[in-house]
Amino acid sequence: MEPVLVFFLVMISLLSVGCVFLLLLLRLAEERRDVMDARRLAASVHYPWNPNNRVSRHPEGSGQRVE
């Protein structure tokens, strides 16, 4: 085989391996983000007094007293 052809075949294979690696990293990052969202939701449900809780059980103006 000609060296130029071998060079292009090697470059294409490296590019495809790099793309697969990036896709796997993106998938892992998405799964980690989902896990973190689930943990945040669980913390807000089980601990409504959590200062990081952005989910309010008693929206303002609902008639609930806050002491």
Protein backbone atom coordinates (compact mmCIF):
# COMPACT_ATOMS: atom_id res chain seq x y z
CA MET A 1 0.00 0.00 0.00
CA GLU A 2 1.08 3.53 -0.56
CA PRO A 3 2.21 5.49 2.48
CA VAL A 4 -0.31 8.27 1.80
CA LEU A 5 -3.19 5.79 1.81
CA VAL A 6 -1.95 4.23 5.05
CA PHE A 7 -1.64 7.70 6.60
CA PHE A 8 -5.23 8.60 5.70
CA LEU A 9 -6.54 5.26 6.97
CA VAL A 10 -4.74 5.76 10.29
CA MET A 11 -6.04 9.33 10.60
CA ILE A 12 -9.62 8.25 9.86
CA SER A 13 -9.43 5.44 12.42
CA LEU A 14 -8.00 7.79 15.08
CA LEU A 15 -10.73 10.32 14.35
CA SER A 16 -13.45 7.69 14.70
CA VAL A 17 -11.97 6.43 17.98
CA GLY A 18 -11.84 10.01 19.26
CA CYS A 19 -15.48 10.59 18.33
CA VAL A 20 -16.57 7.42 20.14
CA PHE A 21 -14.56 8.48 23.20
CA LEU A 22 -16.19 11.92 23.21
CA LEU A 23 -19.65 10.39 22.90
CA LEU A 24 -18.95 8.13 25.87
CA LEU A 25 -17.74 11.09 27.93
CA LEU A 26 -20.86 13.07 27.08
CA ARG A 27 -23.06 10.14 28.03
CA LEU A 28 -21.28 9.72 31.37
CA ALA A 29 -21.60 13.44 32.07
CA GLU A 30 -25.32 13.29 31.29
CA GLU A 31 -25.83 10.31 33.60
CA ARG A 32 -23.89 12.08 36.37
CA ARG A 33 -26.05 15.18 35.90
CA ASP A 34 -29.18 13.02 36.17
CA VAL A 35 -27.88 11.44 39.38
CA MET A 36 -27.11 14.85 40.86
CA ASP A 37 -30.58 16.12 39.93
CA ALA A 38 -32.14 13.05 41.55
CA ARG A 39 -30.10 13.57 44.72
CA ARG A 40 -31.08 17.24 44.85
CA LEU A 41 -34.74 16.32 44.41
CA ALA A 42 -34.52 13.65 47.12
CA ALA A 43 -32.87 16.12 49.49
CA SER A 44 -35.58 18.68 48.86
CA VAL A 45 -38.37 16.15 49.45
CA HIS A 46 -36.96 14.58 52.61
CA TYR A 47 -35.57 17.76 54.11
CA PRO A 48 -37.88 20.70 53.34
CA TRP A 49 -35.91 22.91 55.75
CA ASN A 50 -32.79 22.50 53.60
CA PRO A 51 -31.51 26.02 52.70
CA ASN A 52 -30.55 24.73 49.24
CA ASN A 53 -34.12 23.60 48.64
CA ARG A 54 -35.55 25.41 45.64
CA VAL A 55 -38.81 23.47 45.69
CA SER A 56 -41.26 25.19 48.01
CA ARG A 57 -43.97 23.10 49.65
CA HIS A 58 -45.88 26.26 50.56
CA PRO A 59 -45.83 28.82 47.75
CA GLU A 60 -46.18 32.42 48.77
CA GLY A 61 -49.77 33.53 49.20
CA SER A 62 -51.12 30.04 49.88
CA GLY A 63 -52.29 30.96 53.38
CA GLN A 64 -49.62 29.01 55.25
CA ARG A 65 -48.09 30.66 58.30
CA VAL A 66 -44.32 30.83 58.44
CA GLU A 67 -42.81 31.23 61.90
